[in-house]
Every structure is written in structure tokens, then in C-alpha cells.
Amino acid sequence: MSADMFASTPGQLDEHERLRMYVEGVLERADRAVPWGPETVGVPASAGGSALMRLNDVAFYANARQEVSAFAALCLNLLALHRPRDAGGVSSGPACALRRCNCCMLRWPCPTVQEMTGLLK
């Protein structure tokens, strides 16, 4: 099976490809980002002044780079599994044969990809 069967119309990206490109961009930016720490950027101003809130903020920012990178890698792995595939049926009309998800074999776009494409909106 060639990779060309998964390609969209020339000059146009389908939602799967747009989502893959979006997540790859997030992963690339996260991997290039400098790890945040109070000594590198400064502690953000706290609206409430609570010490616990400030500690939570510091922990969030300190871990965000690794967490975003890991989440983006997970999304790319899901997209590699859930990609369109020709169902292999014979079409009697000009319309293409029904496409299905390569992983779950549900109609394309499958619920997994539909949910993920919410990122693009």
C-alpha cells in the first residue's frame, strides 16, 4: 500500500494533515523552548497573593515544556494510528469508495480524529 493513497487533493490539506502539522508545530516549539524556572524568567505576578497559588504557578510553568512535548508526541502517535484508508470497496459512481480509519476501521473521520480536530477550530 503506497503512502500516496493517504494524500489529499493536490494543493489542499485535509483535516488529518492540518491537525498533524499543527501538533508537529506545537512539539517543535515545545522542544525548542528554554525550560522555565524562577531564576530564568522571574516568578509571574500573583493576583491572589497566596503562597500556595504561587507555588502551583511555579510548578505549572516549570513542568509545562516537558508536559506539552509529551502530549504533542502522544497526539502524533494517535494520528499515525488513526489515518484514512480506502475501504477497498468498488464504487459504481463518480464518488470515491467509502473511507475508513486505518486503526479502528470506523467511517472516516473516526471519532478519535473528529475529537482531535477540535484543536483546529
C-alpha atoms as a PDB file:
ATOM      1  CA  MET A   1       0.000   0.000   0.000  1.00  0.00           C
ATOM      2  CA  SER A   2       1.537   3.306  -1.030  1.00  0.00           C
ATOM      3  CA  ALA A   3       1.603   6.464   1.061  1.00  0.00           C
ATOM      4  CA  ASP A   4       0.002   8.296  -1.880  1.00  0.00           C
ATOM      5  CA  MET A   5      -3.372   6.717  -1.136  1.00  0.00           C
ATOM      6  CA  PHE A   6      -3.489   8.781   2.073  1.00  0.00           C
ATOM      7  CA  ALA A   7      -2.725  12.079   0.336  1.00  0.00           C
ATOM      8  CA  SER A   8      -5.387  14.743  -0.094  1.00  0.00           C
ATOM      9  CA  THR A   9      -6.249  16.617  -3.232  1.00  0.00           C
ATOM     10  CA  PRO A  10      -3.183  18.413  -4.628  1.00  0.00           C
ATOM     11  CA  GLY A  11      -2.914  21.910  -3.159  1.00  0.00           C
ATOM     12  CA  GLN A  12      -5.332  21.168  -0.304  1.00  0.00           C
ATOM     13  CA  LEU A  13      -4.757  19.693   3.132  1.00  0.00           C
ATOM     14  CA  ASP A  14      -7.432  17.557   4.745  1.00  0.00           C
ATOM     15  CA  GLU A  15      -8.226  17.898   8.452  1.00  0.00           C
ATOM     16  CA  HIS A  16      -5.939  14.982   9.364  1.00  0.00           C
ATOM     17  CA  GLU A  17      -2.940  16.624   7.677  1.00  0.00           C
ATOM     18  CA  ARG A  18      -3.770  20.066   9.112  1.00  0.00           C
ATOM     19  CA  LEU A  19      -4.020  18.581  12.604  1.00  0.00           C
ATOM     20  CA  ARG A  20      -0.754  16.652  12.177  1.00  0.00           C
ATOM     21  CA  MET A  21       1.028  19.822  11.028  1.00  0.00           C
ATOM     22  CA  TYR A  22      -0.445  21.815  13.941  1.00  0.00           C
ATOM     23  CA  VAL A  23       0.674  19.246  16.538  1.00  0.00           C
ATOM     24  CA  GLU A  24       4.124  18.932  14.930  1.00  0.00           C
ATOM     25  CA  GLY A  25       4.462  22.718  15.265  1.00  0.00           C
ATOM     26  CA  VAL A  26       3.482  22.573  18.952  1.00  0.00           C
ATOM     27  CA  LEU A  27       6.008  19.787  19.539  1.00  0.00           C
ATOM     28  CA  GLU A  28       8.761  21.669  17.716  1.00  0.00           C
ATOM     29  CA  ARG A  29       8.130  24.888  19.684  1.00  0.00           C
ATOM     30  CA  ALA A  30       7.976  22.978  22.987  1.00  0.00           C
ATOM     31  CA  ASP A  31      11.222  21.157  22.248  1.00  0.00           C
ATOM     32  CA  ARG A  32      12.996  24.427  21.323  1.00  0.00           C
ATOM     33  CA  ALA A  33      11.667  26.324  24.329  1.00  0.00           C
ATOM     34  CA  VAL A  34      14.006  27.136  27.183  1.00  0.00           C
ATOM     35  CA  PRO A  35      12.916  25.377  30.370  1.00  0.00           C
ATOM     36  CA  TRP A  36      11.201  27.881  32.627  1.00  0.00           C
ATOM     37  CA  GLY A  37      12.296  28.433  36.164  1.00  0.00           C
ATOM     38  CA  PRO A  38      12.078  31.276  38.658  1.00  0.00           C
ATOM     39  CA  GLU A  39      15.752  32.016  38.077  1.00  0.00           C
ATOM     40  CA  THR A  40      15.400  32.206  34.258  1.00  0.00           C
ATOM     41  CA  VAL A  41      12.329  34.380  33.741  1.00  0.00           C
ATOM     42  CA  GLY A  42      11.104  35.503  37.104  1.00  0.00           C
ATOM     43  CA  VAL A  43       8.065  34.462  39.070  1.00  0.00           C
ATOM     44  CA  PRO A  44       4.824  35.722  37.492  1.00  0.00           C
ATOM     45  CA  ALA A  45       2.866  38.294  39.446  1.00  0.00           C
ATOM     46  CA  SER A  46       0.249  36.674  41.648  1.00  0.00           C
ATOM     47  CA  ALA A  47      -3.251  38.110  41.693  1.00  0.00           C
ATOM     48  CA  GLY A  48      -4.287  36.476  44.962  1.00  0.00           C
ATOM     49  CA  GLY A  49      -1.025  36.669  46.840  1.00  0.00           C
ATOM     50  CA  SER A  50      -1.484  33.157  48.240  1.00  0.00           C
ATOM     51  CA  ALA A  51       1.819  31.332  48.692  1.00  0.00           C
ATOM     52  CA  LEU A  52       0.203  28.045  47.649  1.00  0.00           C
ATOM     53  CA  MET A  53      -1.109  29.600  44.430  1.00  0.00           C
ATOM     54  CA  ARG A  54       2.348  30.939  43.638  1.00  0.00           C
ATOM     55  CA  LEU A  55       3.909  27.508  44.257  1.00  0.00           C
ATOM     56  CA  ASN A  56       1.324  25.907  41.968  1.00  0.00           C
ATOM     57  CA  ASP A  57       2.062  28.504  39.291  1.00  0.00           C
ATOM     58  CA  VAL A  58       5.802  27.859  39.538  1.00  0.00           C
ATOM     59  CA  ALA A  59       5.265  24.085  39.338  1.00  0.00           C
ATOM     60  CA  PHE A  60       2.976  24.506  36.310  1.00  0.00           C
ATOM     61  CA  TYR A  61       5.430  26.685  34.406  1.00  0.00           C
ATOM     62  CA  ALA A  62       8.425  24.555  35.387  1.00  0.00           C
ATOM     63  CA  ASN A  63       6.797  21.367  34.042  1.00  0.00           C
ATOM     64  CA  ALA A  64       4.866  22.818  31.102  1.00  0.00           C
ATOM     65  CA  ARG A  65       7.601  22.341  28.489  1.00  0.00           C
ATOM     66  CA  GLN A  66       8.031  18.625  29.173  1.00  0.00           C
ATOM     67  CA  GLU A  67       4.292  18.030  29.553  1.00  0.00           C
ATOM     68  CA  VAL A  68       3.390  19.845  26.327  1.00  0.00           C
ATOM     69  CA  SER A  69       6.129  17.998  24.469  1.00  0.00           C
ATOM     70  CA  ALA A  70       4.923  14.613  25.772  1.00  0.00           C
ATOM     71  CA  PHE A  71       1.292  15.451  24.972  1.00  0.00           C
ATOM     72  CA  ALA A  72       2.163  16.554  21.431  1.00  0.00           C
ATOM     73  CA  ALA A  73       4.104  13.309  20.897  1.00  0.00           C
ATOM     74  CA  LEU A  74       1.051  11.359  22.095  1.00  0.00           C
ATOM     75  CA  CYS A  75      -1.161  13.251  19.623  1.00  0.00           C
ATOM     76  CA  LEU A  76       1.235  12.499  16.758  1.00  0.00           C
ATOM     77  CA  ASN A  77       1.246   8.802  17.698  1.00  0.00           C
ATOM     78  CA  LEU A  78      -2.565   8.769  17.714  1.00  0.00           C
ATOM     79  CA  LEU A  79      -2.632  10.464  14.305  1.00  0.00           C
ATOM     80  CA  ALA A  80      -0.165   7.929  12.933  1.00  0.00           C
ATOM     81  CA  LEU A  81      -2.546   5.157  14.002  1.00  0.00           C
ATOM     82  CA  HIS A  82      -5.815   6.898  13.080  1.00  0.00           C
ATOM     83  CA  ARG A  83      -5.384   7.865   9.442  1.00  0.00           C
ATOM     84  CA  PRO A  84      -7.689   7.476   6.450  1.00  0.00           C
ATOM     85  CA  ARG A  85      -7.655   4.291   4.467  1.00  0.00           C
ATOM     86  CA  ASP A  86      -9.560   3.233   1.398  1.00  0.00           C
ATOM     87  CA  ALA A  87     -12.208   0.711   2.390  1.00  0.00           C
ATOM     88  CA  GLY A  88     -11.422  -1.239  -0.756  1.00  0.00           C
ATOM     89  CA  GLY A  89     -14.995  -1.256  -1.988  1.00  0.00           C
ATOM     90  CA  VAL A  90     -15.975  -0.887  -5.606  1.00  0.00           C
ATOM     91  CA  SER A  91     -17.756   2.331  -6.455  1.00  0.00           C
ATOM     92  CA  SER A  92     -20.280   2.399  -9.287  1.00  0.00           C
ATOM     93  CA  GLY A  93     -20.446   6.185  -9.425  1.00  0.00           C
ATOM     94  CA  PRO A  94     -18.005   9.063  -9.669  1.00  0.00           C
ATOM     95  CA  ALA A  95     -17.809   9.308  -5.863  1.00  0.00           C
ATOM     96  CA  CYS A  96     -14.848   7.698  -4.119  1.00  0.00           C
ATOM     97  CA  ALA A  97     -15.314   4.464  -2.230  1.00  0.00           C
ATOM     98  CA  LEU A  98     -16.131   4.802   1.447  1.00  0.00           C
ATOM     99  CA  ARG A  99     -13.039   5.613   3.503  1.00  0.00           C
ATOM    100  CA  ARG A 100     -12.375   4.109   6.908  1.00  0.00           C
ATOM    101  CA  CYS A 101      -9.890   4.683   9.722  1.00  0.00           C
ATOM    102  CA  ASN A 102      -6.780   2.538   9.379  1.00  0.00           C
ATOM    103  CA  CYS A 103      -6.816   1.745  13.137  1.00  0.00           C
ATOM    104  CA  CYS A 104     -10.399   1.366  14.339  1.00  0.00           C
ATOM    105  CA  MET A 105     -11.990   0.734  10.911  1.00  0.00           C
ATOM    106  CA  LEU A 106     -14.834   3.148  11.656  1.00  0.00           C
ATOM    107  CA  ARG A 107     -16.016   5.542   8.952  1.00  0.00           C
ATOM    108  CA  TRP A 108     -13.560   8.329   8.228  1.00  0.00           C
ATOM    109  CA  PRO A 109     -13.083  10.621  10.020  1.00  0.00           C
ATOM    110  CA  CYS A 110     -13.317   8.358  13.054  1.00  0.00           C
ATOM    111  CA  PRO A 111     -14.445   9.724  16.454  1.00  0.00           C
ATOM    112  CA  THR A 112     -10.813   9.976  17.644  1.00  0.00           C
ATOM    113  CA  VAL A 113      -9.806  12.260  14.759  1.00  0.00           C
ATOM    114  CA  GLN A 114     -13.081  14.204  14.967  1.00  0.00           C
ATOM    115  CA  GLU A 115     -12.384  14.955  18.618  1.00  0.00           C
ATOM    116  CA  MET A 116      -8.784  15.955  17.914  1.00  0.00           C
ATOM    117  CA  THR A 117      -9.748  18.273  15.053  1.00  0.00           C
ATOM    118  CA  GLY A 118     -11.479  20.447  17.643  1.00  0.00           C
ATOM    119  CA  LEU A 119      -7.957  21.876  18.147  1.00  0.00           C
ATOM    120  CA  LEU A 120      -8.151  23.435  14.690  1.00  0.00           C
ATOM    121  CA  LYS A 121     -11.312  25.396  15.339  1.00  0.00           C
END
